[in-house]
């Protein structure tokens, strides 16, 4: 499938299946991806504007953060150590730093500076040697894993840092969702070339099984608001008038259909280190 970078450059890329069934990769990957993130509108670097639109976004963001927090709390109790990998501007860490001993890792300098301004108790690390092996109870990646090219190396690193019985939370878009199939090449969550990999539910299960016998997929949970945001952005890419209205409608339809087959727009994979 050929997909255009609707968000920024209008360049065309191709998505092809890898040797792991259900896992797809964007090709070609630019040698320098930094310019493809260089936009004030990129959500990871979102800055407060004080507008009504921004206030509504913050309300929904808080709902989403609380939803993520509650999912984490179902698998680990308050108090343990948690690492948010690719923490962006630090919104999730800010929300949970009173519940856990929190660590963050963010390679982007702009996002990292934004996180430093708002975090009080969290330690932002730049070197993983700062974290002892077998010392972390949970690692979260909220729409980060699809951006990582060296996934073998990263998963091995997570195995080292997690305690036995520790939990890895990976949230990624689902190209088998109704909204993905409805919007096709306009589906915003393809987000090429920033999203290097794309995972169906079966694909993520196959990936986890193939990487280490020490990983065990425990549960899968949806990110319910993602279908609305992704559908609205997809309608915007299609230049639809009142894109927010039509996107909201198809976001709701996507969640309704997913209630029957569990193919939600975004899924959280909850993986235990055995």
C-alpha atoms as a PDB file:
ATOM      1  CA  UNK A   1       0.000   0.000   0.000  1.00  0.00           C
ATOM      2  CA  UNK A   2       1.283   3.463  -0.903  1.00  0.00           C
ATOM      3  CA  UNK A   3       0.673   6.167   1.738  1.00  0.00           C
ATOM      4  CA  UNK A   4       1.331   9.911   1.595  1.00  0.00           C
ATOM      5  CA  UNK A   5       2.750  11.873   4.520  1.00  0.00           C
ATOM      6  CA  UNK A   6      -0.436  13.947   4.805  1.00  0.00           C
ATOM      7  CA  UNK A   7       0.769  15.562   8.015  1.00  0.00           C
ATOM      8  CA  UNK A   8       3.837  17.374   6.741  1.00  0.00           C
ATOM      9  CA  UNK A   9       5.760  16.701   3.532  1.00  0.00           C
ATOM     10  CA  UNK A  10       3.264  15.083   1.119  1.00  0.00           C
ATOM     11  CA  UNK A  11       5.966  12.548   0.225  1.00  0.00           C
ATOM     12  CA  UNK A  12       4.864   9.051  -0.717  1.00  0.00           C
ATOM     13  CA  UNK A  13       5.954   5.909   1.140  1.00  0.00           C
ATOM     14  CA  UNK A  14       5.058   2.244   0.915  1.00  0.00           C
ATOM     15  CA  UNK A  15       3.917  -0.130   3.650  1.00  0.00           C
ATOM     16  CA  UNK A  16       4.963  -3.745   3.186  1.00  0.00           C
ATOM     17  CA  UNK A  17       4.635  -6.839   5.362  1.00  0.00           C
ATOM     18  CA  UNK A  18       7.771  -8.016   7.170  1.00  0.00           C
ATOM     19  CA  UNK A  19       8.871 -11.600   7.751  1.00  0.00           C
ATOM     20  CA  UNK A  20       6.590 -11.563  10.815  1.00  0.00           C
ATOM     21  CA  UNK A  21       2.996 -12.058   9.726  1.00  0.00           C
ATOM     22  CA  UNK A  22       0.845  -9.055  10.634  1.00  0.00           C
ATOM     23  CA  UNK A  23       3.794  -6.697  11.151  1.00  0.00           C
ATOM     24  CA  UNK A  24       4.296  -4.097   8.416  1.00  0.00           C
ATOM     25  CA  UNK A  25       7.095  -1.612   7.785  1.00  0.00           C
ATOM     26  CA  UNK A  26       7.258   1.775   6.106  1.00  0.00           C
ATOM     27  CA  UNK A  27       9.769   2.010   3.253  1.00  0.00           C
ATOM     28  CA  UNK A  28      12.002   3.722   2.558  1.00  0.00           C
ATOM     29  CA  UNK A  29      12.936   5.092   5.988  1.00  0.00           C
ATOM     30  CA  UNK A  30      14.681   8.478   5.636  1.00  0.00           C
ATOM     31  CA  UNK A  31      18.249   8.507   6.958  1.00  0.00           C
ATOM     32  CA  UNK A  32      17.300  11.505   9.135  1.00  0.00           C
ATOM     33  CA  UNK A  33      13.786  11.433  10.572  1.00  0.00           C
ATOM     34  CA  UNK A  34      14.194  14.565  12.712  1.00  0.00           C
ATOM     35  CA  UNK A  35      12.824  16.976  10.052  1.00  0.00           C
ATOM     36  CA  UNK A  36       9.638  14.886   9.834  1.00  0.00           C
ATOM     37  CA  UNK A  37       8.875  15.744  13.460  1.00  0.00           C
ATOM     38  CA  UNK A  38       9.751  19.412  13.015  1.00  0.00           C
ATOM     39  CA  UNK A  39       6.321  21.000  13.325  1.00  0.00           C
ATOM     40  CA  UNK A  40       4.616  23.061  16.006  1.00  0.00           C
ATOM     41  CA  UNK A  41       1.487  20.974  15.421  1.00  0.00           C
ATOM     42  CA  UNK A  42       3.116  17.651  16.247  1.00  0.00           C
ATOM     43  CA  UNK A  43       1.199  16.384  19.260  1.00  0.00           C
ATOM     44  CA  UNK A  44       4.261  15.229  21.236  1.00  0.00           C
ATOM     45  CA  UNK A  45       5.488  18.822  21.376  1.00  0.00           C
ATOM     46  CA  UNK A  46       2.097  20.378  22.014  1.00  0.00           C
ATOM     47  CA  UNK A  47       2.268  23.702  23.812  1.00  0.00           C
ATOM     48  CA  UNK A  48      -0.477  25.367  25.840  1.00  0.00           C
ATOM     49  CA  UNK A  49      -2.271  28.130  23.931  1.00  0.00           C
ATOM     50  CA  UNK A  50      -5.175  28.929  26.273  1.00  0.00           C
ATOM     51  CA  UNK A  51      -7.737  28.629  23.458  1.00  0.00           C
ATOM     52  CA  UNK A  52     -11.135  26.944  23.850  1.00  0.00           C
ATOM     53  CA  UNK A  53      -9.970  24.192  21.523  1.00  0.00           C
ATOM     54  CA  UNK A  54      -6.899  23.675  23.696  1.00  0.00           C
ATOM     55  CA  UNK A  55      -8.994  23.532  26.881  1.00  0.00           C
ATOM     56  CA  UNK A  56     -11.253  20.882  25.344  1.00  0.00           C
ATOM     57  CA  UNK A  57      -8.201  18.919  24.241  1.00  0.00           C
ATOM     58  CA  UNK A  58      -6.790  19.085  27.782  1.00  0.00           C
ATOM     59  CA  UNK A  59     -10.088  17.810  29.204  1.00  0.00           C
ATOM     60  CA  UNK A  60     -10.017  14.787  26.898  1.00  0.00           C
ATOM     61  CA  UNK A  61      -6.317  14.311  27.574  1.00  0.00           C
ATOM     62  CA  UNK A  62      -6.971  14.147  31.314  1.00  0.00           C
ATOM     63  CA  UNK A  63      -9.673  11.519  30.746  1.00  0.00           C
ATOM     64  CA  UNK A  64      -7.217   9.505  28.649  1.00  0.00           C
ATOM     65  CA  UNK A  65      -4.414   9.844  31.208  1.00  0.00           C
ATOM     66  CA  UNK A  66      -6.673   8.630  33.991  1.00  0.00           C
ATOM     67  CA  UNK A  67      -7.770   5.697  31.820  1.00  0.00           C
ATOM     68  CA  UNK A  68      -4.122   4.711  31.225  1.00  0.00           C
ATOM     69  CA  UNK A  69      -3.291   5.133  34.907  1.00  0.00           C
ATOM     70  CA  UNK A  70      -6.152   2.845  35.941  1.00  0.00           C
ATOM     71  CA  UNK A  71      -5.026   0.157  33.496  1.00  0.00           C
ATOM     72  CA  UNK A  72      -1.503   0.284  34.907  1.00  0.00           C
ATOM     73  CA  UNK A  73      -2.862   0.091  38.454  1.00  0.00           C
ATOM     74  CA  UNK A  74      -4.728  -3.125  37.612  1.00  0.00           C
ATOM     75  CA  UNK A  75      -1.400  -4.852  37.040  1.00  0.00           C
ATOM     76  CA  UNK A  76       0.963  -3.124  39.469  1.00  0.00           C
ATOM     77  CA  UNK A  77       0.239  -1.506  42.824  1.00  0.00           C
ATOM     78  CA  UNK A  78       1.104   2.059  43.759  1.00  0.00           C
ATOM     79  CA  UNK A  79       4.646   2.617  44.979  1.00  0.00           C
ATOM     80  CA  UNK A  80       6.767   0.577  42.523  1.00  0.00           C
ATOM     81  CA  UNK A  81       9.127   1.961  39.916  1.00  0.00           C
ATOM     82  CA  UNK A  82       7.723   2.830  36.496  1.00  0.00           C
ATOM     83  CA  UNK A  83       9.581   4.007  33.381  1.00  0.00           C
ATOM     84  CA  UNK A  84       7.767   5.900  30.634  1.00  0.00           C
ATOM     85  CA  UNK A  85       9.854   5.321  27.498  1.00  0.00           C
ATOM     86  CA  UNK A  86       9.417   8.125  24.965  1.00  0.00           C
ATOM     87  CA  UNK A  87       7.685  10.261  27.565  1.00  0.00           C
ATOM     88  CA  UNK A  88       7.302  13.260  25.265  1.00  0.00           C
ATOM     89  CA  UNK A  89       6.362  16.414  27.139  1.00  0.00           C
ATOM     90  CA  UNK A  90       5.800  14.401  30.326  1.00  0.00           C
ATOM     91  CA  UNK A  91       2.007  14.504  30.576  1.00  0.00           C
ATOM     92  CA  UNK A  92       1.572  10.873  31.682  1.00  0.00           C
ATOM     93  CA  UNK A  93       4.447  11.056  34.166  1.00  0.00           C
ATOM     94  CA  UNK A  94       3.057  14.255  35.650  1.00  0.00           C
ATOM     95  CA  UNK A  95      -0.286  12.517  36.117  1.00  0.00           C
ATOM     96  CA  UNK A  96       1.132   9.443  37.896  1.00  0.00           C
ATOM     97  CA  UNK A  97       4.245  10.678  39.702  1.00  0.00           C
ATOM     98  CA  UNK A  98       2.396  10.720  43.036  1.00  0.00           C
ATOM     99  CA  UNK A  99       1.390   7.072  42.571  1.00  0.00           C
ATOM    100  CA  UNK A 100       4.744   5.606  41.541  1.00  0.00           C
ATOM    101  CA  UNK A 101       8.457   6.200  41.654  1.00  0.00           C
ATOM    102  CA  UNK A 102       8.703   7.549  38.128  1.00  0.00           C
ATOM    103  CA  UNK A 103      11.431   7.655  35.497  1.00  0.00           C
ATOM    104  CA  UNK A 104      11.241   9.047  31.993  1.00  0.00           C
ATOM    105  CA  UNK A 105      13.249   8.768  28.811  1.00  0.00           C
ATOM    106  CA  UNK A 106      12.806  11.199  25.919  1.00  0.00           C
ATOM    107  CA  UNK A 107      15.391  11.625  23.138  1.00  0.00           C
ATOM    108  CA  UNK A 108      13.825  14.728  21.590  1.00  0.00           C
ATOM    109  CA  UNK A 109      15.370  17.821  23.160  1.00  0.00           C
ATOM    110  CA  UNK A 110      12.328  20.086  22.720  1.00  0.00           C
ATOM    111  CA  UNK A 111       9.954  17.594  24.319  1.00  0.00           C
ATOM    112  CA  UNK A 112      12.468  16.810  27.060  1.00  0.00           C
ATOM    113  CA  UNK A 113      12.781  20.488  28.020  1.00  0.00           C
ATOM    114  CA  UNK A 114       8.996  20.760  28.162  1.00  0.00           C
ATOM    115  CA  UNK A 115       8.841  17.708  30.444  1.00  0.00           C
ATOM    116  CA  UNK A 116      11.499  19.090  32.781  1.00  0.00           C
ATOM    117  CA  UNK A 117       9.404  22.218  33.353  1.00  0.00           C
ATOM    118  CA  UNK A 118       6.352  20.328  34.601  1.00  0.00           C
ATOM    119  CA  UNK A 119       7.751  17.287  36.424  1.00  0.00           C
ATOM    120  CA  UNK A 120       8.499  17.543  40.148  1.00  0.00           C
ATOM    121  CA  UNK A 121       9.362  14.023  41.339  1.00  0.00           C
ATOM    122  CA  UNK A 122      10.246  12.209  38.123  1.00  0.00           C
ATOM    123  CA  UNK A 123      13.836  11.495  37.177  1.00  0.00           C
ATOM    124  CA  UNK A 124      14.480  11.967  33.462  1.00  0.00           C
ATOM    125  CA  UNK A 125      17.315   9.722  32.343  1.00  0.00           C
ATOM    126  CA  UNK A 126      19.559  10.015  29.303  1.00  0.00           C
ATOM    127  CA  UNK A 127      21.543   6.821  29.887  1.00  0.00           C
ATOM    128  CA  UNK A 128      19.977   3.462  30.716  1.00  0.00           C
ATOM    129  CA  UNK A 129      22.983   2.609  32.853  1.00  0.00           C
ATOM    130  CA  UNK A 130      21.331   4.955  35.358  1.00  0.00           C
ATOM    131  CA  UNK A 131      18.730   2.223  35.944  1.00  0.00           C
ATOM    132  CA  UNK A 132      19.839  -1.033  37.568  1.00  0.00           C
ATOM    133  CA  UNK A 133      19.001  -4.264  35.799  1.00  0.00           C
ATOM    134  CA  UNK A 134      15.947  -6.000  37.252  1.00  0.00           C
ATOM    135  CA  UNK A 135      14.809  -2.900  39.138  1.00  0.00           C
ATOM    136  CA  UNK A 136      11.767  -1.633  37.200  1.00  0.00           C
ATOM    137  CA  UNK A 137       8.217  -2.862  37.850  1.00  0.00           C
ATOM    138  CA  UNK A 138       6.618  -1.440  34.703  1.00  0.00           C
ATOM    139  CA  UNK A 139       7.624   0.179  31.418  1.00  0.00           C
ATOM    140  CA  UNK A 140       5.073   2.130  29.378  1.00  0.00           C
ATOM    141  CA  UNK A 141       5.192   3.099  25.712  1.00  0.00           C
ATOM    142  CA  UNK A 142       2.169   5.185  24.734  1.00  0.00           C
ATOM    143  CA  UNK A 143       2.241   5.352  20.928  1.00  0.00           C
ATOM    144  CA  UNK A 144       6.019   5.142  20.888  1.00  0.00           C
ATOM    145  CA  UNK A 145       6.838   1.573  19.848  1.00  0.00           C
ATOM    146  CA  UNK A 146       5.745   2.163  16.245  1.00  0.00           C
ATOM    147  CA  UNK A 147       8.400   4.909  15.982  1.00  0.00           C
ATOM    148  CA  UNK A 148      11.279   2.610  16.980  1.00  0.00           C
ATOM    149  CA  UNK A 149      13.323   0.936  14.242  1.00  0.00           C
ATOM    150  CA  UNK A 150      15.694  -1.129  16.444  1.00  0.00           C
ATOM    151  CA  UNK A 151      12.923  -3.027  18.214  1.00  0.00           C
ATOM    152  CA  UNK A 152      15.001  -6.137  18.953  1.00  0.00           C
ATOM    153  CA  UNK A 153      17.550  -4.046  20.825  1.00  0.00           C
ATOM    154  CA  UNK A 154      14.897  -2.124  22.745  1.00  0.00           C
ATOM    155  CA  UNK A 155      12.940  -5.223  23.783  1.00  0.00           C
ATOM    156  CA  UNK A 156      16.150  -6.833  25.029  1.00  0.00           C
ATOM    157  CA  UNK A 157      16.899  -3.676  27.012  1.00  0.00           C
ATOM    158  CA  UNK A 158      13.432  -3.786  28.583  1.00  0.00           C
ATOM    159  CA  UNK A 159      13.978  -7.427  29.553  1.00  0.00           C
ATOM    160  CA  UNK A 160      17.152  -6.410  31.358  1.00  0.00           C
ATOM    161  CA  UNK A 161      15.589  -3.521  33.260  1.00  0.00           C
ATOM    162  CA  UNK A 162      12.280  -5.149  34.269  1.00  0.00           C
ATOM    163  CA  UNK A 163      11.951  -7.274  37.362  1.00  0.00           C
ATOM    164  CA  UNK A 164      10.709 -10.830  36.975  1.00  0.00           C
ATOM    165  CA  UNK A 165       6.945 -10.452  36.756  1.00  0.00           C
ATOM    166  CA  UNK A 166       7.364  -6.844  35.582  1.00  0.00           C
ATOM    167  CA  UNK A 167       4.911  -5.492  33.022  1.00  0.00           C
ATOM    168  CA  UNK A 168       5.488  -3.881  29.631  1.00  0.00           C
ATOM    169  CA  UNK A 169       2.603  -1.721  28.335  1.00  0.00           C
ATOM    170  CA  UNK A 170       2.743  -1.074  24.577  1.00  0.00           C
ATOM    171  CA  UNK A 171       0.016   1.056  22.941  1.00  0.00           C
ATOM    172  CA  UNK A 172      -0.028   1.157  19.120  1.00  0.00           C
ATOM    173  CA  UNK A 173      -2.568   1.900  16.355  1.00  0.00           C
ATOM    174  CA  UNK A 174      -4.445  -1.042  14.848  1.00  0.00           C
ATOM    175  CA  UNK A 175      -4.607  -1.183  11.009  1.00  0.00           C
ATOM    176  CA  UNK A 176      -7.297  -3.877  11.266  1.00  0.00           C
ATOM    177  CA  UNK A 177      -9.720  -1.443  12.930  1.00  0.00           C
ATOM    178  CA  UNK A 178     -12.869  -0.232  11.183  1.00  0.00           C
ATOM    179  CA  UNK A 179     -11.576   3.333  10.906  1.00  0.00           C
ATOM    180  CA  UNK A 180      -8.326   2.106   9.318  1.00  0.00           C
ATOM    181  CA  UNK A 181     -10.221   0.134   6.703  1.00  0.00           C
ATOM    182  CA  UNK A 182     -12.731   2.940   6.142  1.00  0.00           C
ATOM    183  CA  UNK A 183     -10.113   5.656   5.560  1.00  0.00           C
ATOM    184  CA  UNK A 184      -7.543   3.493   3.767  1.00  0.00           C
ATOM    185  CA  UNK A 185      -4.641   5.600   2.501  1.00  0.00           C
ATOM    186  CA  UNK A 186      -6.023   8.616   4.394  1.00  0.00           C
ATOM    187  CA  UNK A 187      -5.964   6.869   7.776  1.00  0.00           C
ATOM    188  CA  UNK A 188      -4.057   9.302   9.982  1.00  0.00           C
ATOM    189  CA  UNK A 189      -2.521   6.608  12.192  1.00  0.00           C
ATOM    190  CA  UNK A 190      -0.334   5.335   9.359  1.00  0.00           C
ATOM    191  CA  UNK A 191       1.558   8.625   9.912  1.00  0.00           C
ATOM    192  CA  UNK A 192       4.418   7.718   7.555  1.00  0.00           C
ATOM    193  CA  UNK A 193       7.387   7.924   7.845  1.00  0.00           C
ATOM    194  CA  UNK A 194       7.244   8.718  11.581  1.00  0.00           C
ATOM    195  CA  UNK A 195       5.484   5.401  12.158  1.00  0.00           C
ATOM    196  CA  UNK A 196       8.111   2.959  11.009  1.00  0.00           C
ATOM    197  CA  UNK A 197       6.155  -0.169  11.962  1.00  0.00           C
ATOM    198  CA  UNK A 198       2.448  -1.056  11.896  1.00  0.00           C
ATOM    199  CA  UNK A 199       0.944  -3.923  13.909  1.00  0.00           C
ATOM    200  CA  UNK A 200      -2.248  -5.879  13.561  1.00  0.00           C
ATOM    201  CA  UNK A 201      -3.393  -7.652  16.709  1.00  0.00           C
ATOM    202  CA  UNK A 202      -2.077 -10.938  15.341  1.00  0.00           C
ATOM    203  CA  UNK A 203       1.126  -9.209  14.271  1.00  0.00           C
ATOM    204  CA  UNK A 204       1.902  -7.925  17.757  1.00  0.00           C
ATOM    205  CA  UNK A 205       1.179 -11.347  19.241  1.00  0.00           C
ATOM    206  CA  UNK A 206       3.528 -12.940  16.689  1.00  0.00           C
ATOM    207  CA  UNK A 207       6.220 -10.323  17.352  1.00  0.00           C
ATOM    208  CA  UNK A 208       6.192 -10.847  21.109  1.00  0.00           C
ATOM    209  CA  UNK A 209       6.348 -14.629  20.710  1.00  0.00           C
ATOM    210  CA  UNK A 210       9.245 -14.380  18.261  1.00  0.00           C
ATOM    211  CA  UNK A 211      11.481 -12.071  20.315  1.00  0.00           C
ATOM    212  CA  UNK A 212      11.904 -13.966  23.571  1.00  0.00           C
ATOM    213  CA  UNK A 213      10.439 -16.885  25.486  1.00  0.00           C
ATOM    214  CA  UNK A 214      10.595 -14.593  28.516  1.00  0.00           C
ATOM    215  CA  UNK A 215       7.695 -12.443  27.250  1.00  0.00           C
ATOM    216  CA  UNK A 216       4.072 -13.441  27.832  1.00  0.00           C
ATOM    217  CA  UNK A 217       1.136 -11.452  26.469  1.00  0.00           C
ATOM    218  CA  UNK A 218      -1.321 -11.177  29.373  1.00  0.00           C
ATOM    219  CA  UNK A 219      -4.118  -8.885  28.196  1.00  0.00           C
ATOM    220  CA  UNK A 220      -5.147  -6.475  25.435  1.00  0.00           C
ATOM    221  CA  UNK A 221      -7.074  -3.297  26.210  1.00  0.00           C
ATOM    222  CA  UNK A 222      -8.436  -0.537  23.938  1.00  0.00           C
ATOM    223  CA  UNK A 223      -7.671   3.180  23.894  1.00  0.00           C
ATOM    224  CA  UNK A 224     -11.229   4.304  23.302  1.00  0.00           C
ATOM    225  CA  UNK A 225     -10.692   7.974  22.465  1.00  0.00           C
ATOM    226  CA  UNK A 226      -8.163   7.262  19.728  1.00  0.00           C
ATOM    227  CA  UNK A 227     -10.801   6.323  17.162  1.00  0.00           C
ATOM    228  CA  UNK A 228     -12.329   9.807  17.441  1.00  0.00           C
ATOM    229  CA  UNK A 229      -9.057  11.711  17.192  1.00  0.00           C
ATOM    230  CA  UNK A 230      -7.729   9.552  14.342  1.00  0.00           C
ATOM    231  CA  UNK A 231     -11.022   9.724  12.422  1.00  0.00           C
ATOM    232  CA  UNK A 232     -11.226  13.503  12.744  1.00  0.00           C
ATOM    233  CA  UNK A 233      -7.642  13.881  11.553  1.00  0.00           C
ATOM    234  CA  UNK A 234      -8.301  11.474   8.680  1.00  0.00           C
ATOM    235  CA  UNK A 235     -11.318  13.542   7.609  1.00  0.00           C
ATOM    236  CA  UNK A 236      -9.145  16.641   7.800  1.00  0.00           C
ATOM    237  CA  UNK A 237      -6.625  15.005   5.472  1.00  0.00           C
ATOM    238  CA  UNK A 238      -9.523  14.325   3.076  1.00  0.00           C
ATOM    239  CA  UNK A 239     -10.377  18.052   3.299  1.00  0.00           C
ATOM    240  CA  UNK A 240     -13.877  17.271   4.586  1.00  0.00           C
ATOM    241  CA  UNK A 241     -15.963  20.304   5.692  1.00  0.00           C
ATOM    242  CA  UNK A 242     -16.919  19.941   9.363  1.00  0.00           C
ATOM    243  CA  UNK A 243     -14.269  17.223   9.609  1.00  0.00           C
ATOM    244  CA  UNK A 244     -14.679  17.090  13.388  1.00  0.00           C
ATOM    245  CA  UNK A 245     -18.371  16.162  13.074  1.00  0.00           C
ATOM    246  CA  UNK A 246     -17.950  13.431  10.471  1.00  0.00           C
ATOM    247  CA  UNK A 247     -14.815  12.163  12.222  1.00  0.00           C
ATOM    248  CA  UNK A 248     -16.687  11.915  15.521  1.00  0.00           C
ATOM    249  CA  UNK A 249     -19.414   9.887  13.827  1.00  0.00           C
ATOM    250  CA  UNK A 250     -16.991   7.391  12.287  1.00  0.00           C
ATOM    251  CA  UNK A 251     -14.990   7.237  15.507  1.00  0.00           C
ATOM    252  CA  UNK A 252     -18.146   6.174  17.332  1.00  0.00           C
ATOM    253  CA  UNK A 253     -18.986   3.627  14.632  1.00  0.00           C
ATOM    254  CA  UNK A 254     -15.469   2.206  14.867  1.00  0.00           C
ATOM    255  CA  UNK A 255     -15.755   1.710  18.629  1.00  0.00           C
ATOM    256  CA  UNK A 256     -19.209   0.149  18.253  1.00  0.00           C
ATOM    257  CA  UNK A 257     -17.974  -2.374  15.694  1.00  0.00           C
ATOM    258  CA  UNK A 258     -14.886  -3.073  17.813  1.00  0.00           C
ATOM    259  CA  UNK A 259     -17.102  -3.927  20.779  1.00  0.00           C
ATOM    260  CA  UNK A 260     -17.967  -7.090  18.818  1.00  0.00           C
ATOM    261  CA  UNK A 261     -14.545  -8.079  17.373  1.00  0.00           C
ATOM    262  CA  UNK A 262     -12.121  -6.134  19.646  1.00  0.00           C
ATOM    263  CA  UNK A 263     -10.434  -4.500  16.654  1.00  0.00           C
ATOM    264  CA  UNK A 264     -10.266  -1.066  18.278  1.00  0.00           C
ATOM    265  CA  UNK A 265      -8.450   1.826  16.614  1.00  0.00           C
ATOM    266  CA  UNK A 266      -5.607   1.595  19.146  1.00  0.00           C
ATOM    267  CA  UNK A 267      -4.744  -1.283  21.446  1.00  0.00           C
ATOM    268  CA  UNK A 268      -2.687  -1.579  24.612  1.00  0.00           C
ATOM    269  CA  UNK A 269      -0.704  -4.808  24.819  1.00  0.00           C
ATOM    270  CA  UNK A 270       0.035  -5.821  28.398  1.00  0.00           C
ATOM    271  CA  UNK A 271       3.108  -8.073  28.405  1.00  0.00           C
ATOM    272  CA  UNK A 272       4.717  -9.775  31.388  1.00  0.00           C
ATOM    273  CA  UNK A 273       8.355 -10.674  31.842  1.00  0.00           C
ATOM    274  CA  UNK A 274       8.284 -14.316  32.950  1.00  0.00           C
END
